[in-house]
């Protein structure tokens, strides 16, 4: 249970960070 609690936030954080980078790149390019 502790392993899941540690891994899931990392995965979510990575996806949010990647999405923010993509959106930022699109806004900057536009």
Protein backbone atom coordinates (compact mmCIF):
# COMPACT_ATOMS: atom_id res chain seq x y z
CA UNK A 1 0.00 0.00 0.00
CA UNK A 2 2.87 2.39 0.83
CA UNK A 3 4.54 1.64 -2.50
CA UNK A 4 1.36 2.55 -4.41
CA UNK A 5 0.94 5.72 -2.34
CA UNK A 6 4.48 6.67 -3.32
CA UNK A 7 4.35 5.70 -7.01
CA UNK A 8 0.93 7.07 -8.03
CA UNK A 9 1.66 10.72 -7.09
CA UNK A 10 4.95 10.48 -9.01
CA UNK A 11 3.14 9.24 -12.14
CA UNK A 12 0.44 11.91 -11.84
CA UNK A 13 3.08 14.60 -11.26
CA UNK A 14 5.01 13.45 -14.35
CA UNK A 15 1.87 13.54 -16.52
CA UNK A 16 0.85 16.98 -15.24
CA UNK A 17 4.39 18.29 -15.79
CA UNK A 18 4.51 16.88 -19.33
CA UNK A 19 1.08 18.32 -20.14
CA UNK A 20 2.13 21.73 -18.78
CA UNK A 21 5.28 21.63 -20.93
CA UNK A 22 3.27 20.77 -24.06
CA UNK A 23 0.69 23.50 -23.40
CA UNK A 24 3.46 25.99 -22.63
CA UNK A 25 5.23 25.09 -25.87
CA UNK A 26 2.04 25.52 -27.92
CA UNK A 27 1.27 28.88 -26.29
CA UNK A 28 4.87 30.04 -26.80
CA UNK A 29 4.88 28.90 -30.45
CA UNK A 30 1.53 30.58 -31.10
